[in-house]
């Protein structure tokens, strides 16, 4: 499905994923969709927070429009990253889509209690990843109105 972007720039995604295979699969699937997008990927929870806070190595990092977050991460878990994002006034409006291999009911409930926007189970094959990314494009890029980012240098008022 062709979607009309809400803005005149690519959708900025932050993928927090420690599996190089899953990272590559997600990136390849997002490269196939019609909606222009840019993926920044980090492989652990600590790097995710440094990226989001624009630490030294990520000083020029774009603010993501959406975060795709694995739960089972080294350094800091996905739950710890989710908690930090939702506590930070300047980050809490970013939609967090949990993307995990587990469909454990406790993890699902905990993610929603911690204000994840949705919980998606990673597909086991290429076709499943393609379908999942197409669904994300249709819903998150085509139907949902995402928060508008403040221009660089301006301060948001929460």
C-alpha atoms as a PDB file:
ATOM      1  CA  UNK A   1       0.000   0.000   0.000  1.00  0.00           C
ATOM      2  CA  UNK A   2       1.273   3.425  -0.859  1.00  0.00           C
ATOM      3  CA  UNK A   3       1.219   5.838   2.028  1.00  0.00           C
ATOM      4  CA  UNK A   4       1.415   9.589   2.105  1.00  0.00           C
ATOM      5  CA  UNK A   5       4.115  10.752   4.493  1.00  0.00           C
ATOM      6  CA  UNK A   6       3.085  13.208   7.169  1.00  0.00           C
ATOM      7  CA  UNK A   7       6.201  15.233   6.494  1.00  0.00           C
ATOM      8  CA  UNK A   8       8.604  16.087   3.724  1.00  0.00           C
ATOM      9  CA  UNK A   9      11.473  13.947   4.973  1.00  0.00           C
ATOM     10  CA  UNK A  10      12.155  10.258   5.566  1.00  0.00           C
ATOM     11  CA  UNK A  11      10.670   8.604   8.653  1.00  0.00           C
ATOM     12  CA  UNK A  12      13.457   8.265  11.236  1.00  0.00           C
ATOM     13  CA  UNK A  13      13.606   4.856  12.933  1.00  0.00           C
ATOM     14  CA  UNK A  14      15.825   3.691  15.755  1.00  0.00           C
ATOM     15  CA  UNK A  15      16.268  -0.081  15.755  1.00  0.00           C
ATOM     16  CA  UNK A  16      17.585  -1.449  19.048  1.00  0.00           C
ATOM     17  CA  UNK A  17      18.532  -5.026  18.217  1.00  0.00           C
ATOM     18  CA  UNK A  18      21.500  -7.183  19.210  1.00  0.00           C
ATOM     19  CA  UNK A  19      21.065  -9.870  16.533  1.00  0.00           C
ATOM     20  CA  UNK A  20      22.971  -8.910  13.357  1.00  0.00           C
ATOM     21  CA  UNK A  21      20.736 -11.259  11.345  1.00  0.00           C
ATOM     22  CA  UNK A  22      17.529  -9.635  12.622  1.00  0.00           C
ATOM     23  CA  UNK A  23      19.006  -6.159  12.124  1.00  0.00           C
ATOM     24  CA  UNK A  24      19.846  -6.962   8.522  1.00  0.00           C
ATOM     25  CA  UNK A  25      16.419  -8.478   7.921  1.00  0.00           C
ATOM     26  CA  UNK A  26      14.597  -5.428   9.318  1.00  0.00           C
ATOM     27  CA  UNK A  27      16.798  -3.024   7.351  1.00  0.00           C
ATOM     28  CA  UNK A  28      16.281  -4.943   4.096  1.00  0.00           C
ATOM     29  CA  UNK A  29      12.507  -5.048   4.600  1.00  0.00           C
ATOM     30  CA  UNK A  30      12.307  -1.312   5.322  1.00  0.00           C
ATOM     31  CA  UNK A  31      14.407  -0.657   2.198  1.00  0.00           C
ATOM     32  CA  UNK A  32      11.671  -2.369   0.128  1.00  0.00           C
ATOM     33  CA  UNK A  33       8.741  -0.219   1.252  1.00  0.00           C
ATOM     34  CA  UNK A  34       7.479   2.861  -0.567  1.00  0.00           C
ATOM     35  CA  UNK A  35       7.634   5.275   2.370  1.00  0.00           C
ATOM     36  CA  UNK A  36      11.061   6.932   2.545  1.00  0.00           C
ATOM     37  CA  UNK A  37      12.761   6.023   5.812  1.00  0.00           C
ATOM     38  CA  UNK A  38      16.113   6.025   7.538  1.00  0.00           C
ATOM     39  CA  UNK A  39      17.134   3.405  10.078  1.00  0.00           C
ATOM     40  CA  UNK A  40      19.732   3.986  12.756  1.00  0.00           C
ATOM     41  CA  UNK A  41      20.645   0.735  14.492  1.00  0.00           C
ATOM     42  CA  UNK A  42      22.348   0.087  17.809  1.00  0.00           C
ATOM     43  CA  UNK A  43      23.105  -3.318  19.284  1.00  0.00           C
ATOM     44  CA  UNK A  44      22.575  -2.846  23.007  1.00  0.00           C
ATOM     45  CA  UNK A  45      20.450  -0.933  25.486  1.00  0.00           C
ATOM     46  CA  UNK A  46      23.231   1.323  26.697  1.00  0.00           C
ATOM     47  CA  UNK A  47      24.007   2.497  23.161  1.00  0.00           C
ATOM     48  CA  UNK A  48      20.284   3.145  22.619  1.00  0.00           C
ATOM     49  CA  UNK A  49      20.197   5.614  25.504  1.00  0.00           C
ATOM     50  CA  UNK A  50      23.458   7.271  24.409  1.00  0.00           C
ATOM     51  CA  UNK A  51      21.969   7.601  20.908  1.00  0.00           C
ATOM     52  CA  UNK A  52      18.702   9.066  22.206  1.00  0.00           C
ATOM     53  CA  UNK A  53      20.540  11.505  24.482  1.00  0.00           C
ATOM     54  CA  UNK A  54      22.915  12.370  21.620  1.00  0.00           C
ATOM     55  CA  UNK A  55      26.037  11.390  23.502  1.00  0.00           C
ATOM     56  CA  UNK A  56      29.475  12.098  22.044  1.00  0.00           C
ATOM     57  CA  UNK A  57      29.518   9.363  19.385  1.00  0.00           C
ATOM     58  CA  UNK A  58      25.903  10.192  18.406  1.00  0.00           C
ATOM     59  CA  UNK A  59      26.030  13.987  18.688  1.00  0.00           C
ATOM     60  CA  UNK A  60      24.486  14.386  15.222  1.00  0.00           C
ATOM     61  CA  UNK A  61      21.997  11.536  15.601  1.00  0.00           C
ATOM     62  CA  UNK A  62      18.487  12.210  14.334  1.00  0.00           C
ATOM     63  CA  UNK A  63      15.630  12.103  16.801  1.00  0.00           C
ATOM     64  CA  UNK A  64      13.673   8.976  15.907  1.00  0.00           C
ATOM     65  CA  UNK A  65      10.009   9.172  14.967  1.00  0.00           C
ATOM     66  CA  UNK A  66       9.612   5.552  16.088  1.00  0.00           C
ATOM     67  CA  UNK A  67      11.741   3.176  18.172  1.00  0.00           C
ATOM     68  CA  UNK A  68      11.766  -0.545  17.332  1.00  0.00           C
ATOM     69  CA  UNK A  69      12.940  -2.192  20.549  1.00  0.00           C
ATOM     70  CA  UNK A  70      14.040  -5.754  21.245  1.00  0.00           C
ATOM     71  CA  UNK A  71      13.649  -6.812  24.875  1.00  0.00           C
ATOM     72  CA  UNK A  72      16.565  -9.221  25.261  1.00  0.00           C
ATOM     73  CA  UNK A  73      19.526  -6.885  24.966  1.00  0.00           C
ATOM     74  CA  UNK A  74      23.027  -6.767  26.441  1.00  0.00           C
ATOM     75  CA  UNK A  75      24.172  -3.968  28.793  1.00  0.00           C
ATOM     76  CA  UNK A  76      20.616  -2.702  29.500  1.00  0.00           C
ATOM     77  CA  UNK A  77      17.481  -4.710  28.808  1.00  0.00           C
ATOM     78  CA  UNK A  78      14.741  -3.502  26.520  1.00  0.00           C
ATOM     79  CA  UNK A  79      12.587  -2.961  29.587  1.00  0.00           C
ATOM     80  CA  UNK A  80      15.242  -0.665  31.071  1.00  0.00           C
ATOM     81  CA  UNK A  81      15.447   1.286  27.808  1.00  0.00           C
ATOM     82  CA  UNK A  82      11.643   1.542  27.642  1.00  0.00           C
ATOM     83  CA  UNK A  83      11.497   2.813  31.230  1.00  0.00           C
ATOM     84  CA  UNK A  84      14.163   5.447  30.552  1.00  0.00           C
ATOM     85  CA  UNK A  85      12.444   6.643  27.363  1.00  0.00           C
ATOM     86  CA  UNK A  86       9.040   6.950  29.023  1.00  0.00           C
ATOM     87  CA  UNK A  87      10.504   8.855  32.009  1.00  0.00           C
ATOM     88  CA  UNK A  88      12.348  11.420  29.886  1.00  0.00           C
ATOM     89  CA  UNK A  89      10.181  14.477  29.096  1.00  0.00           C
ATOM     90  CA  UNK A  90      11.907  15.013  25.753  1.00  0.00           C
ATOM     91  CA  UNK A  91      11.624  11.351  24.659  1.00  0.00           C
ATOM     92  CA  UNK A  92       8.392  10.012  26.121  1.00  0.00           C
ATOM     93  CA  UNK A  93       6.272  11.014  23.117  1.00  0.00           C
ATOM     94  CA  UNK A  94       8.298   8.777  20.778  1.00  0.00           C
ATOM     95  CA  UNK A  95       6.261   5.646  20.003  1.00  0.00           C
ATOM     96  CA  UNK A  96       8.059   2.488  21.106  1.00  0.00           C
ATOM     97  CA  UNK A  97       7.211  -0.693  19.228  1.00  0.00           C
ATOM     98  CA  UNK A  98       8.486  -3.749  21.059  1.00  0.00           C
ATOM     99  CA  UNK A  99       9.812  -6.325  18.624  1.00  0.00           C
ATOM    100  CA  UNK A 100      10.693  -9.531  20.456  1.00  0.00           C
ATOM    101  CA  UNK A 101      11.154 -13.238  19.844  1.00  0.00           C
ATOM    102  CA  UNK A 102       9.133 -14.122  22.908  1.00  0.00           C
ATOM    103  CA  UNK A 103       5.376 -14.118  23.179  1.00  0.00           C
ATOM    104  CA  UNK A 104       5.549 -14.611  26.932  1.00  0.00           C
ATOM    105  CA  UNK A 105       2.387 -13.200  28.502  1.00  0.00           C
ATOM    106  CA  UNK A 106       4.308 -11.610  31.404  1.00  0.00           C
ATOM    107  CA  UNK A 107       6.613  -9.765  28.984  1.00  0.00           C
ATOM    108  CA  UNK A 108       3.669  -8.599  26.883  1.00  0.00           C
ATOM    109  CA  UNK A 109       1.763  -7.301  29.918  1.00  0.00           C
ATOM    110  CA  UNK A 110       4.862  -5.647  31.358  1.00  0.00           C
ATOM    111  CA  UNK A 111       5.660  -3.890  28.067  1.00  0.00           C
ATOM    112  CA  UNK A 112       2.150  -2.421  27.859  1.00  0.00           C
ATOM    113  CA  UNK A 113       2.192  -1.435  31.544  1.00  0.00           C
ATOM    114  CA  UNK A 114       5.419   0.423  30.788  1.00  0.00           C
ATOM    115  CA  UNK A 115       3.685   2.309  27.941  1.00  0.00           C
ATOM    116  CA  UNK A 116       4.947   0.457  24.880  1.00  0.00           C
ATOM    117  CA  UNK A 117       2.704   1.374  21.954  1.00  0.00           C
ATOM    118  CA  UNK A 118       2.547  -2.175  20.680  1.00  0.00           C
ATOM    119  CA  UNK A 119       4.128  -5.583  21.115  1.00  0.00           C
ATOM    120  CA  UNK A 120       5.132  -7.471  17.977  1.00  0.00           C
ATOM    121  CA  UNK A 121       6.540 -10.988  17.867  1.00  0.00           C
ATOM    122  CA  UNK A 122       9.448 -11.393  15.463  1.00  0.00           C
ATOM    123  CA  UNK A 123       8.575 -13.574  12.497  1.00  0.00           C
ATOM    124  CA  UNK A 124      10.564 -16.735  11.915  1.00  0.00           C
ATOM    125  CA  UNK A 125      11.051 -16.276   8.168  1.00  0.00           C
ATOM    126  CA  UNK A 126      11.662 -13.655   5.488  1.00  0.00           C
ATOM    127  CA  UNK A 127       8.041 -13.559   4.327  1.00  0.00           C
ATOM    128  CA  UNK A 128       6.918 -12.938   7.896  1.00  0.00           C
ATOM    129  CA  UNK A 129       9.337 -10.011   8.251  1.00  0.00           C
ATOM    130  CA  UNK A 130       8.123  -8.553   4.950  1.00  0.00           C
ATOM    131  CA  UNK A 131       4.496  -8.801   6.121  1.00  0.00           C
ATOM    132  CA  UNK A 132       5.344  -7.258   9.496  1.00  0.00           C
ATOM    133  CA  UNK A 133       7.191  -4.299   7.973  1.00  0.00           C
ATOM    134  CA  UNK A 134       4.380  -3.760   5.457  1.00  0.00           C
ATOM    135  CA  UNK A 135       1.929  -3.666   8.373  1.00  0.00           C
ATOM    136  CA  UNK A 136       4.121  -1.157  10.205  1.00  0.00           C
ATOM    137  CA  UNK A 137       4.252   0.990   7.077  1.00  0.00           C
ATOM    138  CA  UNK A 138       0.508   0.850   6.571  1.00  0.00           C
ATOM    139  CA  UNK A 139      -0.447   1.568  10.175  1.00  0.00           C
ATOM    140  CA  UNK A 140       2.374   3.636  11.683  1.00  0.00           C
ATOM    141  CA  UNK A 141       3.379   5.588   8.573  1.00  0.00           C
ATOM    142  CA  UNK A 142       0.039   5.745   6.780  1.00  0.00           C
ATOM    143  CA  UNK A 143      -2.712   5.937   9.386  1.00  0.00           C
ATOM    144  CA  UNK A 144      -1.242   7.104  12.694  1.00  0.00           C
ATOM    145  CA  UNK A 145      -0.461  10.765  13.238  1.00  0.00           C
ATOM    146  CA  UNK A 146       2.972  10.835  14.824  1.00  0.00           C
ATOM    147  CA  UNK A 147       4.191  13.639  17.079  1.00  0.00           C
ATOM    148  CA  UNK A 148       5.774  16.495  15.176  1.00  0.00           C
ATOM    149  CA  UNK A 149       9.384  17.065  16.057  1.00  0.00           C
ATOM    150  CA  UNK A 150      10.385  20.528  17.178  1.00  0.00           C
ATOM    151  CA  UNK A 151      12.862  22.273  14.861  1.00  0.00           C
ATOM    152  CA  UNK A 152      16.513  21.921  15.854  1.00  0.00           C
ATOM    153  CA  UNK A 153      17.483  24.366  18.549  1.00  0.00           C
ATOM    154  CA  UNK A 154      13.968  24.928  19.837  1.00  0.00           C
ATOM    155  CA  UNK A 155      12.713  23.683  23.170  1.00  0.00           C
ATOM    156  CA  UNK A 156       9.567  21.683  23.574  1.00  0.00           C
ATOM    157  CA  UNK A 157       7.160  22.525  26.344  1.00  0.00           C
ATOM    158  CA  UNK A 158       5.764  19.404  28.051  1.00  0.00           C
END
